[in-house]
Protein backbone atom coordinates (compact mmCIF):
# COMPACT_ATOMS: atom_id res chain seq x y z
CA MET A 1 146.71 122.50 129.63
CA ARG A 2 142.99 121.88 129.53
CA LYS A 3 140.99 124.08 131.86
CA GLU A 4 139.05 122.26 134.56
CA ILE A 5 135.37 123.15 134.64
CA GLY A 6 133.76 123.45 138.03
CA PRO A 7 130.07 123.05 138.79
CA CYS A 8 129.53 126.80 138.83
CA ASP A 9 131.10 127.23 135.41
CA ALA A 10 129.32 124.33 133.71
CA LYS A 11 126.33 126.41 132.72
CA THR A 12 128.47 128.87 130.75
CA GLU A 13 131.29 126.58 129.62
CA LEU A 14 129.23 123.71 128.17
CA PRO A 15 127.62 125.82 125.43
CA LYS A 16 131.11 127.07 124.51
CA LEU A 17 132.39 123.51 124.27
CA LEU A 18 129.48 122.51 122.08
CA ARG A 19 130.00 125.48 119.76
CA ARG A 20 133.72 124.75 119.58
CA ALA A 21 133.05 121.09 118.81
CA GLU A 22 130.50 122.03 116.18
CA SER A 23 133.07 124.08 114.29
CA SER A 24 135.91 121.59 114.75
CA LYS A 25 137.44 119.60 111.92
CA HIS A 26 135.52 116.54 113.06
CA HIS A 27 132.15 118.16 112.43
CA ARG A 28 130.96 117.64 108.90
CA GLU A 29 128.01 116.16 107.15
CA THR A 30 128.24 112.39 106.89
CA PRO A 31 127.35 111.19 103.38
CA PRO A 32 124.48 108.70 103.24
CA LEU A 33 125.35 105.08 103.85
CA SER A 34 123.26 103.59 101.05
CA THR A 35 124.37 103.80 97.43
CA ALA A 36 121.12 104.28 95.59
CA THR A 37 120.33 107.82 96.75
CA HIS A 38 123.35 109.66 98.06
CA SER A 39 121.34 112.85 98.31
CA GLY A 40 118.44 111.14 100.05
CA LYS A 41 117.22 111.84 103.55
CA PHE A 42 115.11 109.91 106.01
CA LYS A 43 111.76 111.41 106.91
CA PRO A 44 111.18 112.25 110.59
CA SER A 45 108.52 109.51 110.68
CA VAL A 46 111.16 106.96 109.64
CA ALA A 47 113.49 108.10 112.41
CA ALA A 48 110.63 107.78 114.91
CA ALA A 49 109.93 104.28 113.57
CA ILE A 50 113.59 103.34 114.12
CA VAL A 51 113.48 104.58 117.73
CA ILE A 52 110.23 102.78 118.53
CA ALA A 53 111.32 99.53 116.90
CA ASN A 54 114.70 99.70 118.64
CA MET A 55 113.09 100.14 122.05
CA ILE A 56 110.28 97.59 121.85
CA GLY A 57 112.09 94.26 121.73
CA THR A 58 112.15 91.25 124.01
CA GLY A 59 112.48 93.14 127.32
CA VAL A 60 108.85 94.02 127.93
CA PHE A 61 107.74 90.46 127.10
CA THR A 62 110.24 88.74 129.42
CA SER A 63 110.90 90.89 132.49
CA LEU A 64 107.58 90.86 134.39
CA GLY A 65 108.07 87.31 135.65
CA PHE A 66 111.31 88.29 137.40
CA GLN A 67 109.79 91.44 138.88
CA LEU A 68 106.97 89.38 140.39
CA LEU A 69 109.48 87.35 142.42
CA GLU A 70 109.77 90.26 144.87
CA ILE A 71 106.92 92.64 143.97
CA GLN A 72 103.31 91.56 143.55
CA SER A 73 101.54 94.90 143.85
CA GLY A 74 99.86 95.99 140.64
CA PHE A 75 100.41 99.67 141.42
CA VAL A 76 104.12 99.26 142.18
CA LEU A 77 104.67 97.11 139.11
CA LEU A 78 103.16 99.77 136.86
CA MET A 79 105.16 102.44 138.67
CA LEU A 80 108.30 100.57 137.68
CA TRP A 81 107.48 101.27 134.05
CA VAL A 82 106.51 104.86 134.80
CA VAL A 83 109.83 105.53 136.55
CA GLY A 84 111.71 103.76 133.77
CA GLY A 85 109.86 105.85 131.21
CA VAL A 86 110.72 109.08 133.03
CA SER A 87 114.36 108.00 133.18
CA ALA A 88 114.38 107.24 129.44
CA LEU A 89 112.67 110.57 128.75
CA CYS A 90 115.40 112.41 130.68
CA GLY A 91 117.97 110.68 128.52
CA ALA A 92 116.01 111.58 125.39
CA LEU A 93 115.90 115.24 126.45
CA CYS A 94 119.68 115.30 126.95
CA TYR A 95 120.33 113.62 123.61
CA ALA A 96 117.88 115.95 121.93
CA GLU A 97 120.07 118.88 123.00
CA LEU A 98 123.29 117.15 121.95
CA GLY A 99 121.83 115.92 118.68
CA ALA A 100 120.55 119.38 117.77
CA ALA A 101 123.92 120.96 118.57
CA LEU A 102 126.03 118.24 116.90
CA PRO A 103 123.87 116.85 114.08
CA ARG A 104 126.09 114.13 112.67
CA SER A 105 125.42 110.39 112.40
CA GLY A 106 127.19 108.05 114.79
CA GLY A 107 125.46 108.53 118.15
CA GLU A 108 127.83 108.40 121.11
CA TYR A 109 130.82 108.10 118.79
CA ASN A 110 130.04 111.55 117.42
CA PHE A 111 129.27 113.13 120.80
CA LEU A 112 132.28 111.76 122.68
CA SER A 113 134.68 112.47 119.82
CA GLN A 114 133.69 116.12 119.57
CA ILE A 115 133.10 116.99 123.21
CA TYR A 116 135.91 115.00 124.87
CA HIS A 117 138.47 113.29 122.65
CA PRO A 118 138.53 111.14 119.49
CA MET A 119 139.92 108.22 121.55
CA ALA A 120 136.81 108.24 123.77
CA GLY A 121 134.58 108.29 120.71
CA PHE A 122 136.53 105.56 118.95
CA ILE A 123 136.40 103.15 121.88
CA SER A 124 132.70 103.82 122.40
CA GLY A 125 131.93 103.46 118.71
CA TRP A 126 133.89 100.26 118.25
CA VAL A 127 132.28 98.57 121.26
CA SER A 128 128.85 99.90 120.27
CA ALA A 129 129.03 98.50 116.75
CA THR A 130 130.60 95.12 117.53
CA ALA A 131 128.77 94.36 120.79
CA GLY A 132 126.19 97.01 121.71
CA PHE A 133 124.27 96.56 118.46
CA ALA A 134 125.46 93.20 117.15
CA ALA A 135 124.61 91.10 120.22
CA PRO A 136 121.03 92.47 120.64
CA THR A 137 120.50 92.08 116.89
CA ALA A 138 121.52 88.43 117.12
CA LEU A 139 119.37 87.88 120.22
CA ALA A 140 116.27 89.34 118.57
CA ALA A 141 116.91 87.35 115.38
CA LEU A 142 117.43 84.13 117.34
CA THR A 143 114.23 84.71 119.33
CA PHE A 144 112.38 85.23 116.06
CA GLY A 145 113.87 82.01 114.67
CA SER A 146 113.05 80.05 117.83
CA TYR A 147 109.37 81.05 117.71
CA PHE A 148 109.00 80.05 114.08
CA SER A 149 110.96 76.82 114.37
CA SER A 150 108.75 75.78 117.30
CA VAL A 151 105.70 76.07 115.03
CA PHE A 152 107.47 74.71 111.94
CA PRO A 153 110.00 72.16 113.30
CA SER A 154 111.47 71.49 109.87
CA LEU A 155 112.93 75.02 109.84
CA SER A 156 116.22 75.74 111.59
CA ALA A 157 116.13 78.60 114.09
CA LEU A 158 119.74 79.45 113.33
CA TRP A 159 119.22 79.69 109.58
CA LEU A 160 115.98 81.62 110.02
CA ALA A 161 117.80 84.13 112.21
CA SER A 162 120.76 84.41 109.84
CA GLY A 163 118.50 84.70 106.81
CA LEU A 164 116.52 87.50 108.46
CA VAL A 165 119.70 89.51 109.13
CA VAL A 166 120.99 89.01 105.58
CA LEU A 167 117.62 89.86 103.98
CA LEU A 168 117.15 93.06 105.98
CA THR A 169 120.75 94.09 105.31
CA ALA A 170 120.14 93.73 101.57
CA ILE A 171 116.98 95.85 101.81
CA HIS A 172 118.67 98.62 103.78
CA CYS A 173 121.53 98.76 101.25
CA THR A 174 119.21 99.95 98.47
CA SER A 175 117.92 103.48 99.04
CA HIS A 176 116.58 105.75 101.74
CA ALA A 177 113.09 105.51 100.28
CA SER A 178 112.91 101.71 100.28
CA SER A 179 114.82 101.34 103.55
CA GLY A 180 112.64 103.90 105.31
CA GLY A 181 109.46 102.48 103.81
CA VAL A 182 110.22 98.96 105.03
CA GLN A 183 111.15 100.19 108.50
CA SER A 184 108.01 102.31 108.80
CA ALA A 185 105.81 99.41 107.69
CA LEU A 186 107.43 96.97 110.13
CA THR A 187 107.10 99.41 113.03
CA ALA A 188 103.46 100.13 112.15
CA LEU A 189 102.84 96.37 112.14
CA LYS A 190 104.47 96.11 115.57
CA LEU A 191 102.25 98.82 117.05
CA MET A 192 99.11 97.33 115.50
CA LEU A 193 99.96 93.89 116.90
CA ILE A 194 100.49 95.33 120.37
CA VAL A 195 97.22 97.25 120.34
CA GLY A 196 95.35 94.32 118.75
CA PHE A 197 96.75 91.80 121.21
CA SER A 198 95.88 94.05 124.16
CA ALA A 199 92.34 94.76 122.98
CA LEU A 200 91.56 91.11 122.24
CA ALA A 201 93.08 89.88 125.50
CA LEU A 202 91.12 92.37 127.59
CA THR A 203 87.82 91.51 125.88
CA MET A 204 88.22 87.73 125.46
CA VAL A 205 89.65 86.71 128.83
CA GLU A 206 87.07 84.66 130.71
CA THR A 207 88.33 85.26 134.23
CA PRO A 208 89.93 88.67 134.82
CA GLN A 209 92.43 88.62 137.67
CA PRO A 210 91.54 90.43 140.91
CA ILE A 211 94.75 92.45 141.01
CA VAL A 212 94.50 96.02 142.30
CA PHE A 213 96.23 98.79 140.36
CA SER A 214 95.52 101.59 142.83
CA PRO A 215 97.86 102.27 145.79
CA VAL A 216 97.36 100.13 148.89
CA ALA A 217 99.02 99.92 152.28
CA GLY A 218 102.64 98.83 152.01
CA ASP A 219 103.21 100.14 148.50
CA GLY A 220 105.27 103.05 149.80
CA ALA A 221 107.80 100.69 151.37
CA LEU A 222 108.02 98.70 148.15
CA LEU A 223 108.62 101.84 146.10
CA LEU A 224 111.57 102.77 148.31
CA GLY A 225 112.90 99.23 148.75
CA GLY A 226 115.80 97.42 147.18
CA SER A 227 113.55 95.13 145.17
CA PHE A 228 112.16 98.11 143.29
CA ALA A 229 115.67 99.31 142.45
CA VAL A 230 116.75 95.86 141.26
CA SER A 231 113.65 95.49 139.12
CA LEU A 232 114.43 98.81 137.48
CA ILE A 233 117.46 97.11 135.92
CA PHE A 234 115.14 94.94 133.82
CA VAL A 235 112.92 97.91 133.05
CA ASN A 236 115.80 100.15 131.97
CA TYR A 237 117.02 97.38 129.69
CA ALA A 238 113.58 97.26 128.07
CA TYR A 239 113.69 101.04 127.54
CA SER A 240 117.14 101.03 125.93
CA GLY A 241 117.21 102.25 122.35
CA TRP A 242 115.63 105.68 122.85
CA ASN A 243 118.79 107.24 121.40
CA ALA A 244 118.57 105.39 118.06
CA ALA A 245 117.72 108.47 115.97
CA THR A 246 121.07 110.10 116.84
CA TYR A 247 122.81 107.40 114.79
CA ILE A 248 121.24 108.74 111.57
CA SER A 249 121.27 112.47 112.38
CA SER A 250 123.03 113.66 109.24
CA GLU A 251 120.69 111.55 107.10
CA LEU A 252 117.64 113.12 108.70
CA ALA A 253 115.86 116.07 107.11
CA GLN A 254 116.37 119.17 109.30
CA PRO A 255 117.88 117.32 112.29
CA ARG A 256 118.10 120.42 114.50
CA ARG A 257 114.37 120.90 114.22
CA HIS A 258 113.11 117.34 114.13
CA LEU A 259 115.49 115.32 116.33
CA PRO A 260 114.20 116.59 119.72
CA ILE A 261 110.58 115.97 118.70
CA ILE A 262 111.41 112.47 117.42
CA LEU A 263 113.25 111.37 120.54
CA ILE A 264 110.70 112.74 123.00
CA THR A 265 107.49 111.63 121.27
CA SER A 266 108.85 108.16 120.48
CA THR A 267 109.94 107.59 124.08
CA VAL A 268 106.54 108.68 125.44
CA LEU A 269 104.71 106.43 122.97
CA VAL A 270 106.84 103.42 123.94
CA ALA A 271 106.22 104.11 127.64
CA LEU A 272 102.46 104.05 127.01
CA CYS A 273 102.79 100.75 125.13
CA TYR A 274 104.77 99.23 128.01
CA LEU A 275 102.18 100.31 130.56
CA LEU A 276 99.40 98.86 128.42
CA LEU A 277 101.16 95.51 127.92
CA ASN A 278 101.98 95.02 131.60
CA TYR A 279 98.43 95.95 132.56
CA VAL A 280 97.17 93.31 130.11
CA PHE A 281 99.59 90.64 131.38
CA LEU A 282 98.51 91.18 135.00
CA PHE A 283 94.82 91.47 134.12
CA THR A 284 94.63 88.25 132.11
CA ALA A 285 97.01 85.79 133.82
CA PRO A 286 97.28 84.81 137.51
CA VAL A 287 100.34 86.09 139.32
CA ASP A 288 101.35 82.53 140.28
CA ALA A 289 101.43 81.57 136.60
CA LEU A 290 103.69 84.51 135.72
CA VAL A 291 106.19 84.40 138.60
CA GLY A 292 109.64 83.46 137.37
CA ARG A 293 108.46 82.87 133.80
CA VAL A 294 110.33 84.35 130.85
CA GLU A 295 107.59 84.03 128.23
CA VAL A 296 104.98 86.14 130.05
CA GLY A 297 103.40 87.24 126.76
CA TYR A 298 102.76 83.62 125.78
CA VAL A 299 101.38 82.81 129.25
CA ALA A 300 98.99 85.77 129.13
CA ALA A 301 97.86 84.79 125.62
CA GLN A 302 97.24 81.22 126.82
CA TYR A 303 94.88 82.41 129.55
CA ALA A 304 93.15 84.87 127.21
CA PHE A 305 92.84 82.78 124.03
CA GLY A 306 93.51 79.16 125.01
CA ALA A 307 96.32 76.87 123.87
CA THR A 308 95.70 77.20 120.12
CA GLY A 309 95.28 80.94 120.28
CA ALA A 310 98.44 81.23 122.36
CA SER A 311 100.47 79.36 119.72
CA ILE A 312 99.17 81.64 116.99
CA MET A 313 99.79 84.68 119.15
CA GLY A 314 103.31 83.46 119.87
CA VAL A 315 104.07 83.55 116.15
CA LEU A 316 102.47 86.98 115.79
CA LEU A 317 104.47 88.30 118.73
CA SER A 318 107.64 86.97 117.12
CA LEU A 319 106.86 89.20 114.12
CA LEU A 320 107.40 92.16 116.45
CA LEU A 321 111.08 91.29 116.52
CA ILE A 322 111.54 91.73 112.77
CA SER A 323 111.25 95.49 113.12
CA THR A 324 113.71 95.42 116.03
CA VAL A 325 116.31 93.58 113.96
CA SER A 326 115.65 95.96 111.07
CA ALA A 327 116.08 99.10 113.20
CA MET A 328 119.38 97.88 114.63
CA ILE A 329 120.68 97.07 111.16
CA VAL A 330 119.86 100.63 110.14
CA ALA A 331 121.53 102.26 113.17
CA GLY A 332 124.52 100.04 113.94
CA PRO A 333 126.49 100.41 110.68
CA ARG A 334 126.32 104.22 110.90
CA VAL A 335 128.88 104.06 113.71
CA LEU A 336 131.34 102.05 111.62
CA HIS A 337 130.66 104.35 108.66
CA ALA A 338 131.54 107.45 110.69
CA ILE A 339 134.71 105.78 112.03
CA GLY A 340 135.71 104.90 108.48
CA GLN A 341 135.37 108.54 107.43
CA ASP A 342 137.46 109.87 110.31
CA PHE A 343 140.33 107.36 110.47
CA SER A 344 142.39 106.30 107.48
CA ALA A 345 143.15 102.89 109.02
CA PHE A 346 139.43 102.07 108.60
CA LYS A 347 138.78 104.06 105.43
CA GLU A 348 137.19 101.03 103.74
CA LEU A 349 134.28 101.37 106.16
CA GLY A 350 133.67 104.91 104.91
CA VAL A 351 132.71 103.62 101.45
CA ALA A 352 128.95 103.49 100.86
CA ASN A 353 127.41 100.20 102.07
CA ALA A 354 130.80 98.79 103.18
CA ALA A 355 129.97 99.38 106.84
CA MET A 356 126.56 97.77 106.32
CA TYR A 357 128.08 94.59 104.90
CA CYS A 358 130.75 94.50 107.60
CA TYR A 359 128.22 95.02 110.38
CA ALA A 360 125.98 92.20 109.11
CA PHE A 361 128.84 89.77 109.70
CA PHE A 362 128.81 90.28 113.47
CA PRO A 363 125.20 89.25 114.31
CA VAL A 364 125.27 86.41 111.77
CA ASP A 365 128.52 85.13 113.27
CA ILE A 366 127.00 85.35 116.77
CA VAL A 367 123.89 83.48 115.64
CA LEU A 368 125.77 80.66 113.94
CA ARG A 369 128.15 80.26 116.85
CA LYS A 370 125.28 80.61 119.37
CA TYR A 371 127.14 83.34 121.27
CA SER A 372 130.18 81.08 121.73
CA TYR A 373 132.72 83.65 120.69
CA LEU A 374 131.51 86.07 123.34
CA PHE A 375 132.10 83.59 126.12
CA ARG A 376 134.94 81.36 124.90
CA GLY A 377 138.55 82.14 124.17
CA ASP A 378 138.39 80.95 120.55
CA HIS A 379 138.91 82.70 117.24
CA GLY A 380 135.68 84.69 117.49
CA LEU A 381 136.89 87.40 119.86
CA GLU A 382 140.22 87.49 118.10
CA HIS A 383 138.46 88.05 114.79
CA VAL A 384 136.05 90.68 116.09
CA PHE A 385 138.69 92.76 117.83
CA ARG A 386 141.49 92.26 115.33
CA GLY A 387 140.85 95.80 114.19
CA ALA A 388 141.62 97.04 117.70
CA GLY A 389 145.28 96.48 116.92
CA HIS A 390 145.06 99.52 114.64
CA ILE A 391 143.70 101.82 117.35
CA ARG A 392 146.95 103.69 117.98
CA THR A 393 147.60 104.18 114.26
CA ALA A 394 144.02 105.25 113.65
CA LEU A 395 143.95 107.80 116.47
CA ASP A 396 147.27 109.30 115.38
CA THR A 397 146.07 109.73 111.79
CA PRO A 398 144.18 112.98 111.05
């Protein structure tokens, strides 16, 4: 019978559980997923690039309009992103400890399998790979395709999105050097576009908005109100992805040393970017023009650069999403790969690159069906979760 751990014992028992899990039969180095360099490792800078690209997606460019429906104080709006950043940093600190103690690829699948039970890890890993990564990958790819097809109407948004997923999958199936190099370059481009957009918008806007970013009377009530809590939902969604480096732990050079630094510094850097972007949005565009709008980045660019500049900026902002799609394609298949190594029923996924090819199917299928299989009772869900019929067999197989 498993011993129940009370609050007073948690401080002494948790380290024992982690040490026991670390030496269990489930703990072993996961071979690299790509075929070209089986002995290769990702540099810490590549892991940081994956975290940053995973976090900075569509959320920060779409959520401000909904927050302004209830909150129109500049100070409170920025505090939303500060609180969200602190929350994400707390998560990063916890995962830094877990990742250093259990340095194996797979993220939550690895942690839950070793600390609690393989069934908990399997369920988490299966849902994470088929929905938690696949759906956001498809959303980011579709948003990218929509931006480009609006500028070039002859191009199909669906085929642009699908082509992007397929192209990036092919790149990440080559080697750690080429995969990491592409990801680092895309993330660097994303950061440069954010800084460049912010600097140009702040200097070129003709009429800065008279919004106050210091505390004023009534801000205290807003900070403690229900509207602040509801708005944090959008903010926390924008901050999701800070755990991305834990999905490639065993392919990271010296994970015990580097993983905590990667998670913490990447989360702090993203928080600074989010504060900068929201400051720019509120400084350049009137509140009335932003309220309820999804495309707040485009609206802010329109007021800063005019209609033509906004169209160009819309395309440039869509380029930010390429790195997001790329980072998810790197991280997502690692879950399936780890499952394939642990359970004989899914052993095909443990073969190098097999999980990568399998994973690419999910976002492409979502894109081409326009999310229909997630919301309709057709063959999509049946196809995606057909493997769930092997759960009992897989969990019973050592």
